[in-house]
Amino acid sequence: MKFDFSGKTCVVTGGASGMGRSIAQELANAGAAVCVADLNLTGAEAFCAELRAKGFQAAAFGMDATDLASVQRAADAISAQFGRLHCLVNSIGIGAKARPEETLQQTFSRLIQVNLMGMFNSCSAFAEHMIETGGGSIVNIASMSASIVPAKTRPGRGGEYGLIGYCTSKGGVKMMTKSMALLWTEYGIRANSVSPGYVDTPLTAEPHSNPETRRKLEDSVPVHRIAQPEEIAATVLFLLSEESSYITGQDILIDGGFTSR
């Protein structure tokens, strides 16, 4: 299915790399004006320069999702430059890897602060502008770890510490999105989430580059392969588009059947 986002402004947070970058690229391909908001402003600016060189409309904005004031400044700046905000994709997040010096509580707090509070800050700040201008569509990137606890991939305390915080944060994103969908529907805002399984991104490059680890992961997935970011982007664009106008408050698993086993 080919989507047309001509005349629409779409914000992608965490869009400088990984799944966010792929989503931003596909939105640009579909004619959207793409705003990439990222903590890595240098990376966001470089990516947007690439898009503009190809004839697309794109702009980069610095944003620390864990700082509500920073998010509000980015939302205000984007609104001032582009006017109405039609779509928001939150691809904010960090992986489950714990830092050696951290306690369980510190790891848990860090993952909640970035993966859940960062999402909340972004949704609340950008939704204010959507409410003022007639609504829009929000898609949050959760994880299959919102529905199941995957096997521990790292032995010892570090793997346990990261797993608890990661699964909790992604489960929170899933339920937060459902709650927002119900509360904001009267303002013309739809909110959904997608829950990817194993995907090749810079965040997963280290484990996925190990042949034995990759083989084990692929064998654990019914379709026997790891997803590419473009496959996640396709579902996100559908949920942002008018073709999904009757869908809100849903979480779409994109996991190659992993959670169906």
C-alpha atoms as a PDB file:
ATOM      1  CA  MET A   1       0.000   0.000   0.000  1.00  0.00           C
ATOM      2  CA  LYS A   2       1.324   3.433  -0.971  1.00  0.00           C
ATOM      3  CA  PHE A   3       0.599   6.263   1.432  1.00  0.00           C
ATOM      4  CA  ASP A   4       0.306   9.962   0.635  1.00  0.00           C
ATOM      5  CA  PHE A   5       1.332  12.395   3.360  1.00  0.00           C
ATOM      6  CA  SER A   6       1.598  15.424   1.095  1.00  0.00           C
ATOM      7  CA  GLY A   7       0.781  18.624   2.961  1.00  0.00           C
ATOM      8  CA  LYS A   8       1.259  17.004   6.360  1.00  0.00           C
ATOM      9  CA  THR A   9       3.852  17.752   9.009  1.00  0.00           C
ATOM     10  CA  CYS A  10       5.159  14.684  10.811  1.00  0.00           C
ATOM     11  CA  VAL A  11       7.403  14.749  13.874  1.00  0.00           C
ATOM     12  CA  VAL A  12       9.688  11.791  14.596  1.00  0.00           C
ATOM     13  CA  THR A  13      11.397  11.845  17.969  1.00  0.00           C
ATOM     14  CA  GLY A  14      14.530   9.747  18.175  1.00  0.00           C
ATOM     15  CA  GLY A  15      14.609  10.012  14.397  1.00  0.00           C
ATOM     16  CA  ALA A  16      18.346  10.466  13.892  1.00  0.00           C
ATOM     17  CA  SER A  17      19.043   6.722  13.815  1.00  0.00           C
ATOM     18  CA  GLY A  18      17.558   3.228  13.958  1.00  0.00           C
ATOM     19  CA  MET A  19      13.845   2.663  13.551  1.00  0.00           C
ATOM     20  CA  GLY A  20      13.123   6.368  13.942  1.00  0.00           C
ATOM     21  CA  ARG A  21      15.353   7.203  10.996  1.00  0.00           C
ATOM     22  CA  SER A  22      13.679   4.580   8.803  1.00  0.00           C
ATOM     23  CA  ILE A  23      10.241   5.898   9.738  1.00  0.00           C
ATOM     24  CA  ALA A  24      11.295   9.478   8.994  1.00  0.00           C
ATOM     25  CA  GLN A  25      12.708   8.394   5.620  1.00  0.00           C
ATOM     26  CA  GLU A  26       9.495   6.597   4.647  1.00  0.00           C
ATOM     27  CA  LEU A  27       7.391   9.595   5.702  1.00  0.00           C
ATOM     28  CA  ALA A  28       9.568  11.829   3.523  1.00  0.00           C
ATOM     29  CA  ASN A  29       9.181   9.370   0.639  1.00  0.00           C
ATOM     30  CA  ALA A  30       5.414   9.679   1.113  1.00  0.00           C
ATOM     31  CA  GLY A  31       5.524  13.462   0.785  1.00  0.00           C
ATOM     32  CA  ALA A  32       5.470  14.604   4.412  1.00  0.00           C
ATOM     33  CA  ALA A  33       7.381  17.531   5.848  1.00  0.00           C
ATOM     34  CA  VAL A  34       9.530  15.669   8.373  1.00  0.00           C
ATOM     35  CA  CYS A  35      10.722  17.132  11.664  1.00  0.00           C
ATOM     36  CA  VAL A  36      13.411  15.058  13.376  1.00  0.00           C
ATOM     37  CA  ALA A  37      13.663  15.801  17.102  1.00  0.00           C
ATOM     38  CA  ASP A  38      16.570  14.094  18.792  1.00  0.00           C
ATOM     39  CA  LEU A  39      19.029  14.390  21.664  1.00  0.00           C
ATOM     40  CA  ASN A  40      21.703  13.866  19.017  1.00  0.00           C
ATOM     41  CA  LEU A  41      21.178  17.167  17.210  1.00  0.00           C
ATOM     42  CA  THR A  42      24.309  16.736  15.080  1.00  0.00           C
ATOM     43  CA  GLY A  43      23.055  13.387  13.801  1.00  0.00           C
ATOM     44  CA  ALA A  44      19.568  14.782  13.218  1.00  0.00           C
ATOM     45  CA  GLU A  45      20.937  17.742  11.268  1.00  0.00           C
ATOM     46  CA  ALA A  46      23.107  15.496   9.108  1.00  0.00           C
ATOM     47  CA  PHE A  47      20.180  13.206   8.324  1.00  0.00           C
ATOM     48  CA  CYS A  48      17.867  16.114   7.493  1.00  0.00           C
ATOM     49  CA  ALA A  49      20.550  17.595   5.239  1.00  0.00           C
ATOM     50  CA  GLU A  50      20.592  14.278   3.356  1.00  0.00           C
ATOM     51  CA  LEU A  51      16.809  14.400   2.997  1.00  0.00           C
ATOM     52  CA  ARG A  52      16.826  17.988   1.745  1.00  0.00           C
ATOM     53  CA  ALA A  53      19.565  17.141  -0.761  1.00  0.00           C
ATOM     54  CA  LYS A  54      17.152  14.571  -2.216  1.00  0.00           C
ATOM     55  CA  GLY A  55      14.400  17.165  -2.528  1.00  0.00           C
ATOM     56  CA  PHE A  56      12.484  16.379   0.648  1.00  0.00           C
ATOM     57  CA  GLN A  57      11.311  18.880   3.240  1.00  0.00           C
ATOM     58  CA  ALA A  58      13.013  18.189   6.571  1.00  0.00           C
ATOM     59  CA  ALA A  59      14.246  20.043   9.644  1.00  0.00           C
ATOM     60  CA  ALA A  60      16.145  18.983  12.759  1.00  0.00           C
ATOM     61  CA  PHE A  61      15.471  20.028  16.324  1.00  0.00           C
ATOM     62  CA  GLY A  62      17.396  19.294  19.502  1.00  0.00           C
ATOM     63  CA  MET A  63      15.335  17.661  22.236  1.00  0.00           C
ATOM     64  CA  ASP A  64      16.022  15.872  25.507  1.00  0.00           C
ATOM     65  CA  ALA A  65      12.930  13.739  26.043  1.00  0.00           C
ATOM     66  CA  THR A  66      13.631  13.365  29.772  1.00  0.00           C
ATOM     67  CA  ASP A  67      13.406  17.162  30.199  1.00  0.00           C
ATOM     68  CA  LEU A  68       9.824  18.391  29.766  1.00  0.00           C
ATOM     69  CA  ALA A  69      10.951  21.991  29.216  1.00  0.00           C
ATOM     70  CA  SER A  70      13.242  20.838  26.399  1.00  0.00           C
ATOM     71  CA  VAL A  71      10.402  18.900  24.781  1.00  0.00           C
ATOM     72  CA  GLN A  72       8.041  21.847  25.048  1.00  0.00           C
ATOM     73  CA  ARG A  73      10.611  24.139  23.422  1.00  0.00           C
ATOM     74  CA  ALA A  74      10.991  21.700  20.536  1.00  0.00           C
ATOM     75  CA  ALA A  75       7.219  21.361  20.121  1.00  0.00           C
ATOM     76  CA  ASP A  76       6.781  25.133  20.159  1.00  0.00           C
ATOM     77  CA  ALA A  77       9.600  25.641  17.642  1.00  0.00           C
ATOM     78  CA  ILE A  78       8.225  23.025  15.251  1.00  0.00           C
ATOM     79  CA  SER A  79       4.718  24.462  15.510  1.00  0.00           C
ATOM     80  CA  ALA A  80       6.002  27.983  14.889  1.00  0.00           C
ATOM     81  CA  GLN A  81       7.933  26.896  11.801  1.00  0.00           C
ATOM     82  CA  PHE A  82       5.498  24.420  10.256  1.00  0.00           C
ATOM     83  CA  GLY A  83       2.070  25.320  11.629  1.00  0.00           C
ATOM     84  CA  ARG A  84      -0.241  22.394  12.202  1.00  0.00           C
ATOM     85  CA  LEU A  85       1.304  19.144  13.449  1.00  0.00           C
ATOM     86  CA  HIS A  86      -0.493  16.194  11.879  1.00  0.00           C
ATOM     87  CA  CYS A  87       1.515  13.193  13.051  1.00  0.00           C
ATOM     88  CA  LEU A  88       3.846  12.267  15.901  1.00  0.00           C
ATOM     89  CA  VAL A  89       6.019   9.171  16.090  1.00  0.00           C
ATOM     90  CA  ASN A  90       7.896   8.554  19.322  1.00  0.00           C
ATOM     91  CA  SER A  91      10.917   6.360  18.732  1.00  0.00           C
ATOM     92  CA  ILE A  92      12.552   7.363  21.996  1.00  0.00           C
ATOM     93  CA  GLY A  93      14.264   4.606  23.911  1.00  0.00           C
ATOM     94  CA  ILE A  94      17.323   2.855  25.245  1.00  0.00           C
ATOM     95  CA  GLY A  95      18.111  -0.829  25.491  1.00  0.00           C
ATOM     96  CA  ALA A  96      18.077  -3.132  28.477  1.00  0.00           C
ATOM     97  CA  LYS A  97      21.827  -3.212  29.024  1.00  0.00           C
ATOM     98  CA  ALA A  98      22.703  -2.260  32.596  1.00  0.00           C
ATOM     99  CA  ARG A  99      25.784  -0.221  33.441  1.00  0.00           C
ATOM    100  CA  PRO A 100      28.376  -2.045  35.587  1.00  0.00           C
ATOM    101  CA  GLU A 101      28.341   0.639  38.286  1.00  0.00           C
ATOM    102  CA  GLU A 102      24.562   0.775  38.625  1.00  0.00           C
ATOM    103  CA  THR A 103      22.362  -0.712  41.307  1.00  0.00           C
ATOM    104  CA  LEU A 104      19.072  -2.381  40.386  1.00  0.00           C
ATOM    105  CA  GLN A 105      17.226   0.772  41.428  1.00  0.00           C
ATOM    106  CA  GLN A 106      19.452   3.032  39.328  1.00  0.00           C
ATOM    107  CA  THR A 107      19.078   0.898  36.209  1.00  0.00           C
ATOM    108  CA  PHE A 108      15.319   0.672  36.675  1.00  0.00           C
ATOM    109  CA  SER A 109      14.997   4.424  37.207  1.00  0.00           C
ATOM    110  CA  ARG A 110      17.079   5.261  34.125  1.00  0.00           C
ATOM    111  CA  LEU A 111      15.031   2.991  31.861  1.00  0.00           C
ATOM    112  CA  ILE A 112      11.730   4.341  33.190  1.00  0.00           C
ATOM    113  CA  GLN A 113      12.943   7.927  32.857  1.00  0.00           C
ATOM    114  CA  VAL A 114      13.933   7.558  29.193  1.00  0.00           C
ATOM    115  CA  ASN A 115      11.607   4.897  27.805  1.00  0.00           C
ATOM    116  CA  LEU A 116       8.413   5.846  29.638  1.00  0.00           C
ATOM    117  CA  MET A 117       8.688   9.392  30.972  1.00  0.00           C
ATOM    118  CA  GLY A 118      10.381  10.492  27.746  1.00  0.00           C
ATOM    119  CA  MET A 119       7.423   9.149  25.777  1.00  0.00           C
ATOM    120  CA  PHE A 120       4.966  10.814  28.145  1.00  0.00           C
ATOM    121  CA  ASN A 121       6.718  14.175  27.918  1.00  0.00           C
ATOM    122  CA  SER A 122       6.693  14.051  24.129  1.00  0.00           C
ATOM    123  CA  CYS A 123       3.066  12.930  23.826  1.00  0.00           C
ATOM    124  CA  SER A 124       1.796  15.549  26.264  1.00  0.00           C
ATOM    125  CA  ALA A 125       3.754  18.453  24.759  1.00  0.00           C
ATOM    126  CA  PHE A 126       2.947  17.722  21.114  1.00  0.00           C
ATOM    127  CA  ALA A 127      -0.673  16.777  21.863  1.00  0.00           C
ATOM    128  CA  GLU A 128      -1.260  20.297  23.187  1.00  0.00           C
ATOM    129  CA  HIS A 129      -0.519  21.645  19.710  1.00  0.00           C
ATOM    130  CA  MET A 130      -2.620  18.942  18.039  1.00  0.00           C
ATOM    131  CA  ILE A 131      -5.579  19.786  20.279  1.00  0.00           C
ATOM    132  CA  GLU A 132      -5.315  23.457  19.317  1.00  0.00           C
ATOM    133  CA  THR A 133      -5.284  22.697  15.574  1.00  0.00           C
ATOM    134  CA  GLY A 134      -7.839  19.931  15.096  1.00  0.00           C
ATOM    135  CA  GLY A 135      -6.222  16.669  16.150  1.00  0.00           C
ATOM    136  CA  GLY A 136      -3.738  14.242  14.677  1.00  0.00           C
ATOM    137  CA  SER A 137      -2.284  10.771  14.951  1.00  0.00           C
ATOM    138  CA  ILE A 138       0.308   9.485  17.422  1.00  0.00           C
ATOM    139  CA  VAL A 139       2.279   6.246  17.208  1.00  0.00           C
ATOM    140  CA  ASN A 140       4.554   5.193  20.051  1.00  0.00           C
ATOM    141  CA  ILE A 141       7.236   2.550  19.623  1.00  0.00           C
ATOM    142  CA  ALA A 142       6.866  -0.015  22.406  1.00  0.00           C
ATOM    143  CA  SER A 143       8.241  -3.572  22.247  1.00  0.00           C
ATOM    144  CA  MET A 144       7.143  -7.185  22.339  1.00  0.00           C
ATOM    145  CA  SER A 145       8.647  -6.987  25.841  1.00  0.00           C
ATOM    146  CA  ALA A 146       5.469  -5.090  26.765  1.00  0.00           C
ATOM    147  CA  SER A 147       3.622  -8.405  26.386  1.00  0.00           C
ATOM    148  CA  ILE A 148       6.166 -11.045  27.385  1.00  0.00           C
ATOM    149  CA  VAL A 149       9.410 -11.336  29.303  1.00  0.00           C
ATOM    150  CA  PRO A 150      11.977 -12.590  26.782  1.00  0.00           C
ATOM    151  CA  ALA A 151      14.723 -14.963  27.809  1.00  0.00           C
ATOM    152  CA  LYS A 152      17.562 -13.255  29.636  1.00  0.00           C
ATOM    153  CA  THR A 153      20.231 -12.532  27.041  1.00  0.00           C
ATOM    154  CA  ARG A 154      22.976 -11.486  29.446  1.00  0.00           C
ATOM    155  CA  PRO A 155      24.110 -13.729  32.274  1.00  0.00           C
ATOM    156  CA  GLY A 156      24.381 -12.432  35.802  1.00  0.00           C
ATOM    157  CA  ARG A 157      23.153  -9.366  37.599  1.00  0.00           C
ATOM    158  CA  GLY A 158      23.451  -6.911  34.698  1.00  0.00           C
ATOM    159  CA  GLY A 159      21.023  -8.825  32.495  1.00  0.00           C
ATOM    160  CA  GLU A 160      18.489  -9.138  35.298  1.00  0.00           C
ATOM    161  CA  TYR A 161      18.718  -5.468  36.194  1.00  0.00           C
ATOM    162  CA  GLY A 162      18.154  -4.283  32.646  1.00  0.00           C
ATOM    163  CA  LEU A 163      15.396  -6.756  31.876  1.00  0.00           C
ATOM    164  CA  ILE A 164      13.179  -5.673  34.767  1.00  0.00           C
ATOM    165  CA  GLY A 165      13.352  -1.995  33.893  1.00  0.00           C
ATOM    166  CA  TYR A 166      13.074  -2.515  30.145  1.00  0.00           C
ATOM    167  CA  CYS A 167       9.978  -4.725  30.244  1.00  0.00           C
ATOM    168  CA  THR A 168       8.303  -2.466  32.804  1.00  0.00           C
ATOM    169  CA  SER A 169       8.984   0.669  30.761  1.00  0.00           C
ATOM    170  CA  LYS A 170       7.683  -0.836  27.520  1.00  0.00           C
ATOM    171  CA  GLY A 171       4.600  -2.230  29.246  1.00  0.00           C
ATOM    172  CA  GLY A 172       4.007   1.281  30.539  1.00  0.00           C
ATOM    173  CA  VAL A 173       4.247   2.725  27.028  1.00  0.00           C
ATOM    174  CA  LYS A 174       1.622   0.271  25.808  1.00  0.00           C
ATOM    175  CA  MET A 175      -0.896   1.096  28.541  1.00  0.00           C
ATOM    176  CA  MET A 176      -0.117   4.813  28.498  1.00  0.00           C
ATOM    177  CA  THR A 177      -0.926   4.873  24.776  1.00  0.00           C
ATOM    178  CA  LYS A 178      -4.247   3.119  25.329  1.00  0.00           C
ATOM    179  CA  SER A 179      -5.158   5.621  28.060  1.00  0.00           C
ATOM    180  CA  MET A 180      -4.235   8.600  25.900  1.00  0.00           C
ATOM    181  CA  ALA A 181      -6.310   7.229  23.025  1.00  0.00           C
ATOM    182  CA  LEU A 182      -9.428   7.195  25.202  1.00  0.00           C
ATOM    183  CA  LEU A 183      -8.801  10.587  26.776  1.00  0.00           C
ATOM    184  CA  TRP A 184      -7.900  12.458  23.583  1.00  0.00           C
ATOM    185  CA  THR A 185     -10.354  10.997  21.087  1.00  0.00           C
ATOM    186  CA  GLU A 186     -12.746  13.891  21.688  1.00  0.00           C
ATOM    187  CA  TYR A 187     -10.030  16.221  20.389  1.00  0.00           C
ATOM    188  CA  GLY A 188      -9.585  14.272  17.169  1.00  0.00           C
ATOM    189  CA  ILE A 189      -6.375  12.564  18.260  1.00  0.00           C
ATOM    190  CA  ARG A 190      -5.769   8.880  17.604  1.00  0.00           C
ATOM    191  CA  ALA A 191      -3.023   7.104  19.551  1.00  0.00           C
ATOM    192  CA  ASN A 192      -1.619   3.642  18.885  1.00  0.00           C
ATOM    193  CA  SER A 193       1.586   1.771  19.587  1.00  0.00           C
ATOM    194  CA  VAL A 194       3.620  -0.825  17.753  1.00  0.00           C
ATOM    195  CA  SER A 195       5.573  -3.542  19.520  1.00  0.00           C
ATOM    196  CA  PRO A 196       8.487  -4.787  17.428  1.00  0.00           C
ATOM    197  CA  GLY A 197      10.299  -8.017  18.101  1.00  0.00           C
ATOM    198  CA  TYR A 198      13.939  -8.491  17.147  1.00  0.00           C
ATOM    199  CA  VAL A 199      14.991  -5.753  14.704  1.00  0.00           C
ATOM    200  CA  ASP A 200      18.358  -4.880  13.181  1.00  0.00           C
ATOM    201  CA  THR A 201      19.192  -1.380  14.449  1.00  0.00           C
ATOM    202  CA  PRO A 202      22.310   0.350  15.787  1.00  0.00           C
ATOM    203  CA  LEU A 203      20.972  -0.423  19.279  1.00  0.00           C
ATOM    204  CA  THR A 204      21.067  -4.168  18.576  1.00  0.00           C
ATOM    205  CA  ALA A 205      24.150  -4.188  16.344  1.00  0.00           C
ATOM    206  CA  GLU A 206      26.453  -5.684  18.967  1.00  0.00           C
ATOM    207  CA  PRO A 207      24.458  -8.818  19.837  1.00  0.00           C
ATOM    208  CA  HIS A 208      23.090  -9.300  16.316  1.00  0.00           C
ATOM    209  CA  SER A 209      26.585  -9.231  14.804  1.00  0.00           C
ATOM    210  CA  ASN A 210      27.595 -12.312  16.791  1.00  0.00           C
ATOM    211  CA  PRO A 211      26.856 -15.266  14.461  1.00  0.00           C
ATOM    212  CA  GLU A 212      25.903 -17.666  17.256  1.00  0.00           C
ATOM    213  CA  THR A 213      23.669 -15.136  19.007  1.00  0.00           C
ATOM    214  CA  ARG A 214      22.016 -14.193  15.724  1.00  0.00           C
ATOM    215  CA  ARG A 215      21.351 -17.816  14.835  1.00  0.00           C
ATOM    216  CA  LYS A 216      19.740 -18.438  18.228  1.00  0.00           C
ATOM    217  CA  LEU A 217      17.545 -15.367  17.866  1.00  0.00           C
ATOM    218  CA  GLU A 218      16.495 -16.303  14.343  1.00  0.00           C
ATOM    219  CA  ASP A 219      15.710 -19.862  15.445  1.00  0.00           C
ATOM    220  CA  SER A 220      13.487 -18.496  18.222  1.00  0.00           C
ATOM    221  CA  VAL A 221      11.310 -16.574  15.754  1.00  0.00           C
ATOM    222  CA  PRO A 222       8.684 -18.571  13.816  1.00  0.00           C
ATOM    223  CA  VAL A 223       9.547 -16.787  10.557  1.00  0.00           C
ATOM    224  CA  HIS A 224      13.252 -17.589  11.203  1.00  0.00           C
ATOM    225  CA  ARG A 225      14.682 -14.140  10.641  1.00  0.00           C
ATOM    226  CA  ILE A 226      15.204 -10.756  12.276  1.00  0.00           C
ATOM    227  CA  ALA A 227      13.127  -7.800  11.068  1.00  0.00           C
ATOM    228  CA  GLN A 228      14.469  -4.785   9.224  1.00  0.00           C
ATOM    229  CA  PRO A 229      13.529  -1.241  10.334  1.00  0.00           C
ATOM    230  CA  GLU A 230      11.641  -0.611   7.085  1.00  0.00           C
ATOM    231  CA  GLU A 231       9.181  -3.352   8.026  1.00  0.00           C
ATOM    232  CA  ILE A 232       8.325  -1.534  11.244  1.00  0.00           C
ATOM    233  CA  ALA A 233       8.036   1.753   9.361  1.00  0.00           C
ATOM    234  CA  ALA A 234       5.404   0.309   7.016  1.00  0.00           C
ATOM    235  CA  THR A 235       3.036  -0.453   9.897  1.00  0.00           C
ATOM    236  CA  VAL A 236       3.708   2.919  11.517  1.00  0.00           C
ATOM    237  CA  LEU A 237       2.790   4.759   8.317  1.00  0.00           C
ATOM    238  CA  PHE A 238      -0.448   2.785   8.082  1.00  0.00           C
ATOM    239  CA  LEU A 239      -1.392   3.761  11.641  1.00  0.00           C
ATOM    240  CA  LEU A 240      -0.599   7.418  10.931  1.00  0.00           C
ATOM    241  CA  SER A 241      -2.599   7.446   7.702  1.00  0.00           C
ATOM    242  CA  GLU A 242      -6.290   8.021   7.046  1.00  0.00           C
ATOM    243  CA  GLU A 243      -6.559   4.367   6.012  1.00  0.00           C
ATOM    244  CA  SER A 244      -6.487   3.524   9.737  1.00  0.00           C
ATOM    245  CA  SER A 245      -8.948   6.220  10.826  1.00  0.00           C
ATOM    246  CA  TYR A 246     -11.060   3.688  12.780  1.00  0.00           C
ATOM    247  CA  ILE A 247      -8.080   2.343  14.731  1.00  0.00           C
ATOM    248  CA  THR A 248      -7.100   3.893  18.060  1.00  0.00           C
ATOM    249  CA  GLY A 249      -5.923   2.604  21.420  1.00  0.00           C
ATOM    250  CA  GLN A 250      -4.332  -0.481  19.866  1.00  0.00           C
ATOM    251  CA  ASP A 251      -0.937  -2.109  20.130  1.00  0.00           C
ATOM    252  CA  ILE A 252       0.272  -3.893  17.010  1.00  0.00           C
ATOM    253  CA  LEU A 253       2.805  -6.663  17.518  1.00  0.00           C
ATOM    254  CA  ILE A 254       5.394  -6.916  14.739  1.00  0.00           C
ATOM    255  CA  ASP A 255       7.419  -9.843  16.015  1.00  0.00           C
ATOM    256  CA  GLY A 256       7.458 -12.541  13.345  1.00  0.00           C
ATOM    257  CA  GLY A 257       5.110 -14.624  15.481  1.00  0.00           C
ATOM    258  CA  PHE A 258       7.424 -14.699  18.511  1.00  0.00           C
ATOM    259  CA  THR A 259       4.706 -14.016  21.079  1.00  0.00           C
ATOM    260  CA  SER A 260       2.325 -16.509  19.434  1.00  0.00           C
ATOM    261  CA  ARG A 261       4.424 -19.517  20.319  1.00  0.00           C
END
